[in-house]
Amino acid sequence: MSRHLATATLDGRPVEIVTGFDRRLGDYFLQVIDERNDMLYTSLQEPLLDWTDIATPRTKVAELGPGCAVCRQDRG
């Protein structure tokens, strides 16, 4: 599984964006987590989106509106 982390601001508060590819499932995933570790968004909320397409997480981040600056990358 690959995993990429980015920091952003959503509605004026800091969030962490986690996205990556789960090889076993063959899907990309996306999570938006606030500073209290509350899950604000997860790709599991929208199973009808095409999470096999790399454009889906990118499009969803753009829809959520955070100004995203990649801060680090982890591969697991």
C-alpha atoms as a PDB file:
ATOM      1  CA  MET A   1       0.000   0.000   0.000  1.00  0.00           C
ATOM      2  CA  SER A   2       1.307   3.443  -0.839  1.00  0.00           C
ATOM      3  CA  ARG A   3       0.378   6.386   1.337  1.00  0.00           C
ATOM      4  CA  HIS A   4       0.901  10.101   0.812  1.00  0.00           C
ATOM      5  CA  LEU A   5       0.315  12.754   3.453  1.00  0.00           C
ATOM      6  CA  ALA A   6      -0.348  16.444   2.948  1.00  0.00           C
ATOM      7  CA  THR A   7      -1.332  19.332   5.175  1.00  0.00           C
ATOM      8  CA  ALA A   8      -4.033  21.792   4.222  1.00  0.00           C
ATOM      9  CA  THR A   9      -6.625  24.165   5.604  1.00  0.00           C
ATOM     10  CA  LEU A  10     -10.319  23.356   5.357  1.00  0.00           C
ATOM     11  CA  ASP A  11     -12.874  25.899   6.541  1.00  0.00           C
ATOM     12  CA  GLY A  12     -10.091  27.791   8.322  1.00  0.00           C
ATOM     13  CA  ARG A  13      -8.750  24.853  10.317  1.00  0.00           C
ATOM     14  CA  PRO A  14      -5.719  22.641   9.719  1.00  0.00           C
ATOM     15  CA  VAL A  15      -6.321  19.169   8.304  1.00  0.00           C
ATOM     16  CA  GLU A  16      -4.226  16.255   7.144  1.00  0.00           C
ATOM     17  CA  ILE A  17      -5.001  14.677   3.800  1.00  0.00           C
ATOM     18  CA  VAL A  18      -4.104  11.009   3.435  1.00  0.00           C
ATOM     19  CA  THR A  19      -4.308   9.392   0.031  1.00  0.00           C
ATOM     20  CA  GLY A  20      -2.785   6.366  -1.573  1.00  0.00           C
ATOM     21  CA  PHE A  21      -3.268   3.136  -3.455  1.00  0.00           C
ATOM     22  CA  ASP A  22      -4.253  -0.180  -1.906  1.00  0.00           C
ATOM     23  CA  ARG A  23      -2.705  -2.798  -4.197  1.00  0.00           C
ATOM     24  CA  ARG A  24      -4.676  -5.653  -2.708  1.00  0.00           C
ATOM     25  CA  LEU A  25      -8.030  -3.959  -3.377  1.00  0.00           C
ATOM     26  CA  GLY A  26      -6.868  -2.196  -6.543  1.00  0.00           C
ATOM     27  CA  ASP A  27      -8.359   1.111  -5.360  1.00  0.00           C
ATOM     28  CA  TYR A  28      -7.135   4.562  -4.416  1.00  0.00           C
ATOM     29  CA  PHE A  29      -8.315   5.986  -1.104  1.00  0.00           C
ATOM     30  CA  LEU A  30      -8.700   9.418   0.450  1.00  0.00           C
ATOM     31  CA  GLN A  31      -9.102  10.583   4.042  1.00  0.00           C
ATOM     32  CA  VAL A  32      -9.302  14.079   5.519  1.00  0.00           C
ATOM     33  CA  ILE A  33      -8.536  14.212   9.241  1.00  0.00           C
ATOM     34  CA  ASP A  34      -8.662  17.240  11.547  1.00  0.00           C
ATOM     35  CA  GLU A  35      -6.277  18.132  14.365  1.00  0.00           C
ATOM     36  CA  ARG A  36      -8.349  16.121  16.896  1.00  0.00           C
ATOM     37  CA  ASN A  37      -8.039  13.020  14.662  1.00  0.00           C
ATOM     38  CA  ASP A  38     -11.717  13.263  13.688  1.00  0.00           C
ATOM     39  CA  MET A  39     -12.368  11.847  10.222  1.00  0.00           C
ATOM     40  CA  LEU A  40     -13.966  14.653   8.211  1.00  0.00           C
ATOM     41  CA  TYR A  41     -14.058  12.685   4.966  1.00  0.00           C
ATOM     42  CA  THR A  42     -13.209   9.186   3.812  1.00  0.00           C
ATOM     43  CA  SER A  43     -13.542   7.662   0.369  1.00  0.00           C
ATOM     44  CA  LEU A  44     -15.645   4.926   2.001  1.00  0.00           C
ATOM     45  CA  GLN A  45     -18.441   7.522   2.220  1.00  0.00           C
ATOM     46  CA  GLU A  46     -18.753   7.517  -1.571  1.00  0.00           C
ATOM     47  CA  PRO A  47     -18.367   3.933  -2.795  1.00  0.00           C
ATOM     48  CA  LEU A  48     -20.044   4.705  -6.129  1.00  0.00           C
ATOM     49  CA  LEU A  49     -17.165   6.947  -7.236  1.00  0.00           C
ATOM     50  CA  ASP A  50     -14.528   5.255  -9.399  1.00  0.00           C
ATOM     51  CA  TRP A  51     -11.724   4.820  -6.860  1.00  0.00           C
ATOM     52  CA  THR A  52      -9.718   2.775  -9.400  1.00  0.00           C
ATOM     53  CA  ASP A  53      -9.014   6.031 -11.287  1.00  0.00           C
ATOM     54  CA  ILE A  54      -6.133   8.229 -10.050  1.00  0.00           C
ATOM     55  CA  ALA A  55      -8.144  11.324 -11.007  1.00  0.00           C
ATOM     56  CA  THR A  56     -10.845  10.555  -8.421  1.00  0.00           C
ATOM     57  CA  PRO A  57      -8.863  11.474  -5.262  1.00  0.00           C
ATOM     58  CA  ARG A  58      -7.436  14.540  -7.020  1.00  0.00           C
ATOM     59  CA  THR A  59     -10.914  15.666  -8.106  1.00  0.00           C
ATOM     60  CA  LYS A  60     -12.391  15.058  -4.665  1.00  0.00           C
ATOM     61  CA  VAL A  61      -9.666  17.098  -2.941  1.00  0.00           C
ATOM     62  CA  ALA A  62     -10.380  19.946  -5.375  1.00  0.00           C
ATOM     63  CA  GLU A  63     -14.107  19.698  -4.565  1.00  0.00           C
ATOM     64  CA  LEU A  64     -13.399  19.863  -0.826  1.00  0.00           C
ATOM     65  CA  GLY A  65     -11.384  23.000  -1.494  1.00  0.00           C
ATOM     66  CA  PRO A  66      -8.310  22.735   0.728  1.00  0.00           C
ATOM     67  CA  GLY A  67      -5.191  24.575  -0.398  1.00  0.00           C
ATOM     68  CA  CYS A  68      -2.933  21.564  -0.372  1.00  0.00           C
ATOM     69  CA  ALA A  69       0.809  21.731   0.219  1.00  0.00           C
ATOM     70  CA  VAL A  70       2.520  18.354   0.281  1.00  0.00           C
ATOM     71  CA  CYS A  71       4.652  18.100   3.386  1.00  0.00           C
ATOM     72  CA  ARG A  72       5.888  14.514   3.432  1.00  0.00           C
ATOM     73  CA  GLN A  73       5.415  11.146   1.809  1.00  0.00           C
ATOM     74  CA  ASP A  74       5.371   7.736   3.495  1.00  0.00           C
ATOM     75  CA  ARG A  75       5.325   4.380   1.770  1.00  0.00           C
ATOM     76  CA  GLY A  76       4.104   1.415   3.727  1.00  0.00           C
END
